[in-house]
PDB file of all heavy atoms in Angstrom:
ATOM      1  N   THR A   1       0.840  -1.151   0.004  1.00  0.00           N
ATOM      2  CA  THR A   1      -0.016   0.021   0.004  1.00  0.00           C
ATOM      3  C   THR A   1       0.878   1.237   0.032  1.00  0.00           C
ATOM      4  O   THR A   1       2.020   1.180   0.430  1.00  0.00           O
ATOM      5  CB  THR A   1      -0.968   0.007   1.188  1.00  0.00           C
ATOM      6  OG1 THR A   1      -1.929   1.067   1.063  1.00  0.00           O
ATOM      7  CG2 THR A   1      -0.198   0.183   2.537  1.00  0.00           C
ATOM      8  N   ILE A   2       0.353   2.343  -0.508  1.00  0.00           N
ATOM      9  CA  ILE A   2       1.078   3.563  -0.523  1.00  0.00           C
ATOM     10  C   ILE A   2       0.114   4.762  -0.175  1.00  0.00           C
ATOM     11  O   ILE A   2      -0.984   4.795  -0.717  1.00  0.00           O
ATOM     12  CB  ILE A   2       1.738   3.775  -1.865  1.00  0.00           C
ATOM     13  CG1 ILE A   2       2.677   5.004  -1.906  1.00  0.00           C
ATOM     14  CG2 ILE A   2       0.699   3.891  -3.032  1.00  0.00           C
ATOM     15  CD1 ILE A   2       3.644   5.052  -3.068  1.00  0.00           C
ATOM     16  N   ILE A   3       0.578   5.606   0.676  1.00  0.00           N
ATOM     17  CA  ILE A   3      -0.177   6.862   1.017  1.00  0.00           C
ATOM     18  C   ILE A   3       0.096   7.888  -0.069  1.00  0.00           C
ATOM     19  O   ILE A   3       1.247   8.198  -0.309  1.00  0.00           O
ATOM     20  CB  ILE A   3       0.227   7.341   2.426  1.00  0.00           C
ATOM     21  CG1 ILE A   3      -0.122   6.307   3.476  1.00  0.00           C
ATOM     22  CG2 ILE A   3      -0.486   8.676   2.672  1.00  0.00           C
ATOM     23  CD1 ILE A   3       0.401   6.658   4.844  1.00  0.00           C
ATOM     24  N   TRP A   4      -0.920   8.369  -0.650  1.00  0.00           N
ATOM     25  CA  TRP A   4      -0.777   9.117  -1.866  1.00  0.00           C
ATOM     26  C   TRP A   4       0.030  10.460  -1.708  1.00  0.00           C
ATOM     27  O   TRP A   4       0.934  10.724  -2.474  1.00  0.00           O
ATOM     28  CB  TRP A   4      -2.151   9.450  -2.476  1.00  0.00           C
ATOM     29  CG  TRP A   4      -2.031   9.790  -3.937  1.00  0.00           C
ATOM     30  CD1 TRP A   4      -2.110  10.985  -4.481  1.00  0.00           C
ATOM     31  CD2 TRP A   4      -1.869   8.812  -4.996  1.00  0.00           C
ATOM     32  NE1 TRP A   4      -1.928  10.899  -5.894  1.00  0.00           N
ATOM     33  CE2 TRP A   4      -1.773   9.547  -6.157  1.00  0.00           C
ATOM     34  CE3 TRP A   4      -1.710   7.417  -5.010  1.00  0.00           C
ATOM     35  CZ2 TRP A   4      -1.554   8.945  -7.427  1.00  0.00           C
ATOM     36  CZ3 TRP A   4      -1.525   6.814  -6.228  1.00  0.00           C
ATOM     37  CH2 TRP A   4      -1.463   7.553  -7.407  1.00  0.00           C
ATOM     38  N   ILE A   5      -0.307  11.200  -0.666  1.00  0.00           N
ATOM     39  CA  ILE A   5       0.276  12.500  -0.566  1.00  0.00           C
ATOM     40  C   ILE A   5       1.735  12.485  -0.109  1.00  0.00           C
ATOM     41  O   ILE A   5       2.536  13.378  -0.456  1.00  0.00           O
ATOM     42  CB  ILE A   5      -0.499  13.446   0.408  1.00  0.00           C
ATOM     43  CG1 ILE A   5      -0.574  12.825   1.800  1.00  0.00           C
ATOM     44  CG2 ILE A   5      -1.897  13.704  -0.192  1.00  0.00           C
ATOM     45  CD1 ILE A   5      -1.195  13.784   2.823  1.00  0.00           C
ATOM     46  N   SER A   6       2.110  11.474   0.603  1.00  0.00           N
ATOM     47  CA  SER A   6       3.446  11.388   1.156  1.00  0.00           C
ATOM     48  C   SER A   6       4.340  10.380   0.468  1.00  0.00           C
ATOM     49  O   SER A   6       5.590  10.516   0.494  1.00  0.00           O
ATOM     50  CB  SER A   6       3.412  11.013   2.627  1.00  0.00           C
ATOM     51  OG  SER A   6       3.010   9.668   2.748  1.00  0.00           O
ATOM     52  N   GLY A   7       3.790   9.378  -0.189  1.00  0.00           N
ATOM     53  CA  GLY A   7       4.564   8.311  -0.784  1.00  0.00           C
ATOM     54  C   GLY A   7       4.997   7.227   0.180  1.00  0.00           C
ATOM     55  O   GLY A   7       5.692   6.318  -0.227  1.00  0.00           O
ATOM     56  N   GLY A   8       4.623   7.394   1.446  1.00  0.00           N
ATOM     57  CA  GLY A   8       4.959   6.356   2.421  1.00  0.00           C
ATOM     58  C   GLY A   8       4.268   5.052   2.025  1.00  0.00           C
ATOM     59  O   GLY A   8       3.162   5.027   1.583  1.00  0.00           O
ATOM     60  N   SER A   9       4.991   3.971   2.246  1.00  0.00           N
ATOM     61  CA  SER A   9       4.483   2.706   1.783  1.00  0.00           C
ATOM     62  C   SER A   9       4.752   1.592   2.800  1.00  0.00           C
ATOM     63  O   SER A   9       5.540   1.738   3.722  1.00  0.00           O
ATOM     64  CB  SER A   9       5.145   2.333   0.411  1.00  0.00           C
ATOM     65  OG  SER A   9       6.555   2.170   0.600  1.00  0.00           O
ATOM     66  N   ALA A  10       4.035   0.497   2.545  1.00  0.00           N
ATOM     67  CA  ALA A  10       4.215  -0.673   3.383  1.00  0.00           C
ATOM     68  C   ALA A  10       4.065  -1.913   2.456  1.00  0.00           C
ATOM     69  O   ALA A  10       3.242  -1.889   1.507  1.00  0.00           O
ATOM     70  CB  ALA A  10       3.241  -0.765   4.529  1.00  0.00           C
ATOM     71  N   HIS A  11       4.797  -2.944   2.764  1.00  0.00           N
ATOM     72  CA  HIS A  11       4.797  -4.183   1.972  1.00  0.00           C
ATOM     73  C   HIS A  11       4.609  -5.399   2.834  1.00  0.00           C
ATOM     74  O   HIS A  11       5.118  -5.416   3.968  1.00  0.00           O
ATOM     75  CB  HIS A  11       6.083  -4.318   1.165  1.00  0.00           C
ATOM     76  CG  HIS A  11       6.290  -3.218   0.164  1.00  0.00           C
ATOM     77  ND1 HIS A  11       6.768  -1.962   0.566  1.00  0.00           N
ATOM     78  CD2 HIS A  11       6.149  -3.128  -1.152  1.00  0.00           C
ATOM     79  CE1 HIS A  11       6.882  -1.154  -0.460  1.00  0.00           C
ATOM     80  NE2 HIS A  11       6.547  -1.881  -1.543  1.00  0.00           N
ATOM     81  N   ALA A  12       3.932  -6.371   2.357  1.00  0.00           N
ATOM     82  CA  ALA A  12       3.747  -7.620   3.078  1.00  0.00           C
ATOM     83  C   ALA A  12       5.152  -8.260   3.291  1.00  0.00           C
ATOM     84  O   ALA A  12       6.029  -8.155   2.388  1.00  0.00           O
ATOM     85  CB  ALA A  12       2.829  -8.555   2.339  1.00  0.00           C
ATOM     86  N   ASP A  13       5.290  -8.992   4.383  1.00  0.00           N
ATOM     87  CA  ASP A  13       6.571  -9.668   4.623  1.00  0.00           C
ATOM     88  C   ASP A  13       6.952 -10.599   3.503  1.00  0.00           C
ATOM     89  O   ASP A  13       8.158 -10.740   3.204  1.00  0.00           O
ATOM     90  CB  ASP A  13       6.488 -10.419   5.964  1.00  0.00           C
ATOM     91  CG  ASP A  13       6.450  -9.506   7.155  1.00  0.00           C
ATOM     92  OD1 ASP A  13       6.840  -8.364   7.070  1.00  0.00           O
ATOM     93  OD2 ASP A  13       6.078  -9.994   8.252  1.00  0.00           O
ATOM     94  N   SER A  14       5.972 -11.210   2.871  1.00  0.00           N
ATOM     95  CA  SER A  14       6.245 -12.189   1.848  1.00  0.00           C
ATOM     96  C   SER A  14       6.872 -11.567   0.581  1.00  0.00           C
ATOM     97  O   SER A  14       7.429 -12.325  -0.217  1.00  0.00           O
ATOM     98  CB  SER A  14       4.964 -12.975   1.490  1.00  0.00           C
ATOM     99  OG  SER A  14       3.983 -12.061   1.017  1.00  0.00           O
ATOM    100  N   VAL A  15       6.737 -10.268   0.447  1.00  0.00           N
ATOM    101  CA  VAL A  15       7.238  -9.634  -0.808  1.00  0.00           C
ATOM    102  C   VAL A  15       8.281  -8.572  -0.498  1.00  0.00           C
ATOM    103  O   VAL A  15       8.860  -8.007  -1.435  1.00  0.00           O
ATOM    104  CB  VAL A  15       6.142  -9.037  -1.633  1.00  0.00           C
ATOM    105  CG1 VAL A  15       5.049 -10.017  -1.936  1.00  0.00           C
ATOM    106  CG2 VAL A  15       5.519  -7.798  -0.956  1.00  0.00           C
ATOM    107  N   LYS A  16       8.573  -8.324   0.732  1.00  0.00           N
ATOM    108  CA  LYS A  16       9.609  -7.264   1.076  1.00  0.00           C
ATOM    109  C   LYS A  16      10.980  -7.655   0.414  1.00  0.00           C
ATOM    110  O   LYS A  16      11.358  -8.760   0.494  1.00  0.00           O
ATOM    111  CB  LYS A  16       9.749  -7.178   2.594  1.00  0.00           C
ATOM    112  CG  LYS A  16       8.675  -6.330   3.254  1.00  0.00           C
ATOM    113  CD  LYS A  16       8.911  -6.222   4.737  1.00  0.00           C
ATOM    114  CE  LYS A  16       7.801  -5.439   5.425  1.00  0.00           C
ATOM    115  NZ  LYS A  16       7.997  -5.391   6.882  1.00  0.00           N
ATOM    116  N   GLY A  17      11.569  -6.636  -0.119  1.00  0.00           N
ATOM    117  CA  GLY A  17      12.845  -6.816  -0.808  1.00  0.00           C
ATOM    118  C   GLY A  17      12.734  -7.277  -2.235  1.00  0.00           C
ATOM    119  O   GLY A  17      13.722  -7.258  -2.968  1.00  0.00           O
ATOM    120  N   ARG A  18      11.503  -7.677  -2.629  1.00  0.00           N
ATOM    121  CA  ARG A  18      11.278  -8.115  -4.024  1.00  0.00           C
ATOM    122  C   ARG A  18      10.287  -7.214  -4.764  1.00  0.00           C
ATOM    123  O   ARG A  18      10.464  -6.935  -5.950  1.00  0.00           O
ATOM    124  CB  ARG A  18      10.773  -9.553  -4.028  1.00  0.00           C
ATOM    125  CG  ARG A  18      11.686 -10.581  -3.415  1.00  0.00           C
ATOM    126  CD  ARG A  18      11.244 -11.969  -3.657  1.00  0.00           C
ATOM    127  NE  ARG A  18       9.946 -12.243  -3.019  1.00  0.00           N
ATOM    128  CZ  ARG A  18       8.855 -12.616  -3.703  1.00  0.00           C
ATOM    129  NH1 ARG A  18       8.895 -12.744  -5.022  1.00  0.00           N
ATOM    130  NH2 ARG A  18       7.723 -12.798  -3.063  1.00  0.00           N
ATOM    131  N   PHE A  19       9.248  -6.760  -4.087  1.00  0.00           N
ATOM    132  CA  PHE A  19       8.234  -5.931  -4.719  1.00  0.00           C
ATOM    133  C   PHE A  19       8.379  -4.504  -4.183  1.00  0.00           C
ATOM    134  O   PHE A  19       8.653  -4.285  -2.988  1.00  0.00           O
ATOM    135  CB  PHE A  19       6.817  -6.425  -4.384  1.00  0.00           C
ATOM    136  CG  PHE A  19       6.444  -7.725  -4.940  1.00  0.00           C
ATOM    137  CD1 PHE A  19       7.365  -8.542  -5.596  1.00  0.00           C
ATOM    138  CD2 PHE A  19       5.133  -8.170  -4.891  1.00  0.00           C
ATOM    139  CE1 PHE A  19       7.009  -9.772  -6.131  1.00  0.00           C
ATOM    140  CE2 PHE A  19       4.781  -9.378  -5.402  1.00  0.00           C
ATOM    141  CZ  PHE A  19       5.689 -10.181  -6.028  1.00  0.00           C
ATOM    142  N   THR A  20       8.059  -3.547  -5.014  1.00  0.00           N
ATOM    143  CA  THR A  20       8.048  -2.149  -4.635  1.00  0.00           C
ATOM    144  C   THR A  20       6.820  -1.418  -5.228  1.00  0.00           C
ATOM    145  O   THR A  20       6.593  -1.442  -6.432  1.00  0.00           O
ATOM    146  CB  THR A  20       9.320  -1.439  -5.156  1.00  0.00           C
ATOM    147  OG1 THR A  20      10.456  -2.074  -4.607  1.00  0.00           O
ATOM    148  CG2 THR A  20       9.360   0.013  -4.633  1.00  0.00           C
ATOM    149  N   ILE A  21       6.046  -0.801  -4.343  1.00  0.00           N
ATOM    150  CA  ILE A  21       4.896  -0.016  -4.793  1.00  0.00           C
ATOM    151  C   ILE A  21       5.335   1.437  -5.000  1.00  0.00           C
ATOM    152  O   ILE A  21       6.157   1.924  -4.227  1.00  0.00           O
ATOM    153  CB  ILE A  21       3.741  -0.121  -3.827  1.00  0.00           C
ATOM    154  CG1 ILE A  21       2.449   0.494  -4.387  1.00  0.00           C
ATOM    155  CG2 ILE A  21       4.076   0.495  -2.454  1.00  0.00           C
ATOM    156  CD1 ILE A  21       1.182   0.190  -3.564  1.00  0.00           C
ATOM    157  N   SER A  22       4.767   2.074  -5.996  1.00  0.00           N
ATOM    158  CA  SER A  22       5.099   3.475  -6.271  1.00  0.00           C
ATOM    159  C   SER A  22       3.889   4.095  -6.941  1.00  0.00           C
ATOM    160  O   SER A  22       2.935   3.395  -7.333  1.00  0.00           O
ATOM    161  CB  SER A  22       6.332   3.644  -7.079  1.00  0.00           C
ATOM    162  OG  SER A  22       6.210   3.048  -8.361  1.00  0.00           O
ATOM    163  N   ARG A  23       3.923   5.424  -7.077  1.00  0.00           N
ATOM    164  CA  ARG A  23       2.829   6.084  -7.761  1.00  0.00           C
ATOM    165  C   ARG A  23       3.309   7.258  -8.606  1.00  0.00           C
ATOM    166  O   ARG A  23       4.369   7.849  -8.287  1.00  0.00           O
ATOM    167  CB  ARG A  23       1.722   6.575  -6.798  1.00  0.00           C
ATOM    168  CG  ARG A  23       1.897   7.963  -6.183  1.00  0.00           C
ATOM    169  CD  ARG A  23       2.934   7.929  -5.073  1.00  0.00           C
ATOM    170  NE  ARG A  23       2.819   9.127  -4.222  1.00  0.00           N
ATOM    171  CZ  ARG A  23       3.783  10.011  -4.070  1.00  0.00           C
ATOM    172  NH1 ARG A  23       4.978   9.818  -4.631  1.00  0.00           N
ATOM    173  NH2 ARG A  23       3.580  11.049  -3.297  1.00  0.00           N
ATOM    174  N   ASP A  24       2.577   7.568  -9.663  1.00  0.00           N
ATOM    175  CA  ASP A  24       2.797   8.760 -10.455  1.00  0.00           C
ATOM    176  C   ASP A  24       1.624   9.681 -10.160  1.00  0.00           C
ATOM    177  O   ASP A  24       0.497   9.442 -10.610  1.00  0.00           O
ATOM    178  CB  ASP A  24       2.879   8.417 -11.922  1.00  0.00           C
ATOM    179  CG  ASP A  24       3.230   9.586 -12.803  1.00  0.00           C
ATOM    180  OD1 ASP A  24       2.838  10.727 -12.459  1.00  0.00           O
ATOM    181  OD2 ASP A  24       3.891   9.376 -13.845  1.00  0.00           O
ATOM    182  N   ASN A  25       1.857  10.736  -9.388  1.00  0.00           N
ATOM    183  CA  ASN A  25       0.748  11.562  -8.913  1.00  0.00           C
ATOM    184  C   ASN A  25       0.055  12.270 -10.067  1.00  0.00           C
ATOM    185  O   ASN A  25      -1.160  12.358 -10.091  1.00  0.00           O
ATOM    186  CB  ASN A  25       1.334  12.610  -7.905  1.00  0.00           C
ATOM    187  CG  ASN A  25       0.250  13.152  -7.045  1.00  0.00           C
ATOM    188  OD1 ASN A  25      -0.781  12.543  -6.771  1.00  0.00           O
ATOM    189  ND2 ASN A  25       0.521  14.398  -6.543  1.00  0.00           N
ATOM    190  N   ALA A  26       0.836  12.713 -11.068  1.00  0.00           N
ATOM    191  CA  ALA A  26       0.264  13.450 -12.213  1.00  0.00           C
ATOM    192  C   ALA A  26      -0.659  12.562 -13.084  1.00  0.00           C
ATOM    193  O   ALA A  26      -1.608  13.041 -13.663  1.00  0.00           O
ATOM    194  CB  ALA A  26       1.345  14.050 -13.044  1.00  0.00           C
ATOM    195  N   LYS A  27      -0.345  11.260 -13.132  1.00  0.00           N
ATOM    196  CA  LYS A  27      -1.030  10.303 -13.986  1.00  0.00           C
ATOM    197  C   LYS A  27      -2.099   9.516 -13.254  1.00  0.00           C
ATOM    198  O   LYS A  27      -2.764   8.676 -13.856  1.00  0.00           O
ATOM    199  CB  LYS A  27      -0.088   9.440 -14.713  1.00  0.00           C
ATOM    200  CG  LYS A  27       0.845  10.198 -15.657  1.00  0.00           C
ATOM    201  CD  LYS A  27       1.768   9.221 -16.406  1.00  0.00           C
ATOM    202  CE  LYS A  27       2.656   9.938 -17.386  1.00  0.00           C
ATOM    203  NZ  LYS A  27       3.543   8.988 -18.101  1.00  0.00           N
ATOM    204  N   ASN A  28      -2.212   9.749 -11.938  1.00  0.00           N
ATOM    205  CA  ASN A  28      -3.176   8.962 -11.140  1.00  0.00           C
ATOM    206  C   ASN A  28      -2.985   7.485 -11.357  1.00  0.00           C
ATOM    207  O   ASN A  28      -3.940   6.706 -11.566  1.00  0.00           O
ATOM    208  CB  ASN A  28      -4.612   9.371 -11.430  1.00  0.00           C
ATOM    209  CG  ASN A  28      -4.914  10.773 -10.968  1.00  0.00           C
ATOM    210  OD1 ASN A  28      -4.454  11.196  -9.963  1.00  0.00           O
ATOM    211  ND2 ASN A  28      -5.749  11.472 -11.732  1.00  0.00           N
ATOM    212  N   THR A  29      -1.736   7.073 -11.293  1.00  0.00           N
ATOM    213  CA  THR A  29      -1.375   5.680 -11.542  1.00  0.00           C
ATOM    214  C   THR A  29      -0.509   5.159 -10.439  1.00  0.00           C
ATOM    215  O   THR A  29       0.400   5.842  -9.962  1.00  0.00           O
ATOM    216  CB  THR A  29      -0.649   5.538 -12.927  1.00  0.00           C
ATOM    217  OG1 THR A  29      -1.514   6.043 -13.948  1.00  0.00           O
ATOM    218  CG2 THR A  29      -0.272   4.120 -13.215  1.00  0.00           C
ATOM    219  N   VAL A  30      -0.761   3.942 -10.076  1.00  0.00           N
ATOM    220  CA  VAL A  30       0.070   3.271  -9.057  1.00  0.00           C
ATOM    221  C   VAL A  30       0.707   1.997  -9.704  1.00  0.00           C
ATOM    222  O   VAL A  30       0.105   1.424 -10.622  1.00  0.00           O
ATOM    223  CB  VAL A  30      -0.745   2.841  -7.815  1.00  0.00           C
ATOM    224  CG1 VAL A  30      -1.824   1.823  -8.171  1.00  0.00           C
ATOM    225  CG2 VAL A  30       0.133   2.362  -6.668  1.00  0.00           C
ATOM    226  N   PHE A  31       1.915   1.751  -9.317  1.00  0.00           N
ATOM    227  CA  PHE A  31       2.696   0.623  -9.916  1.00  0.00           C
ATOM    228  C   PHE A  31       3.081  -0.378  -8.837  1.00  0.00           C
ATOM    229  O   PHE A  31       3.130  -0.092  -7.618  1.00  0.00           O
ATOM    230  CB  PHE A  31       3.906   1.181 -10.558  1.00  0.00           C
ATOM    231  CG  PHE A  31       3.705   2.256 -11.549  1.00  0.00           C
ATOM    232  CD1 PHE A  31       3.809   3.573 -11.207  1.00  0.00           C
ATOM    233  CD2 PHE A  31       3.370   1.955 -12.827  1.00  0.00           C
ATOM    234  CE1 PHE A  31       3.548   4.628 -12.138  1.00  0.00           C
ATOM    235  CE2 PHE A  31       3.127   2.991 -13.806  1.00  0.00           C
ATOM    236  CZ  PHE A  31       3.243   4.297 -13.400  1.00  0.00           C
ATOM    237  N   LEU A  32       3.320  -1.586  -9.295  1.00  0.00           N
ATOM    238  CA  LEU A  32       3.894  -2.617  -8.464  1.00  0.00           C
ATOM    239  C   LEU A  32       5.009  -3.233  -9.267  1.00  0.00           C
ATOM    240  O   LEU A  32       4.761  -4.006 -10.204  1.00  0.00           O
ATOM    241  CB  LEU A  32       2.873  -3.651  -8.062  1.00  0.00           C
ATOM    242  CG  LEU A  32       3.388  -4.683  -7.029  1.00  0.00           C
ATOM    243  CD1 LEU A  32       3.659  -4.042  -5.679  1.00  0.00           C
ATOM    244  CD2 LEU A  32       2.376  -5.810  -6.874  1.00  0.00           C
ATOM    245  N   GLU A  33       6.246  -2.896  -8.874  1.00  0.00           N
ATOM    246  CA  GLU A  33       7.424  -3.533  -9.490  1.00  0.00           C
ATOM    247  C   GLU A  33       7.697  -4.846  -8.776  1.00  0.00           C
ATOM    248  O   GLU A  33       7.902  -4.816  -7.563  1.00  0.00           O
ATOM    249  CB  GLU A  33       8.630  -2.579  -9.380  1.00  0.00           C
ATOM    250  CG  GLU A  33       9.859  -3.107 -10.054  1.00  0.00           C
ATOM    251  CD  GLU A  33       9.791  -3.132 -11.553  1.00  0.00           C
ATOM    252  OE1 GLU A  33       9.154  -2.199 -12.146  1.00  0.00           O
ATOM    253  OE2 GLU A  33      10.353  -4.042 -12.188  1.00  0.00           O
ATOM    254  N   MET A  34       7.707  -5.959  -9.517  1.00  0.00           N
ATOM    255  CA  MET A  34       7.865  -7.251  -8.931  1.00  0.00           C
ATOM    256  C   MET A  34       9.116  -7.844  -9.511  1.00  0.00           C
ATOM    257  O   MET A  34       9.222  -8.097 -10.712  1.00  0.00           O
ATOM    258  CB  MET A  34       6.671  -8.125  -9.223  1.00  0.00           C
ATOM    259  CG  MET A  34       5.335  -7.549  -8.749  1.00  0.00           C
ATOM    260  SD  MET A  34       3.910  -8.661  -8.962  1.00  0.00           S
ATOM    261  CE  MET A  34       3.919  -8.776 -10.741  1.00  0.00           C
TER     262      MET A  34
END
């Protein structure tokens, strides 16, 4: 999950170190890099 205004994020233990959530504020798009 990612908090929109701050970019603060949290990841499940099962994916930490492998997956990264991010967002593009201008495009109203969220990503999951796996």
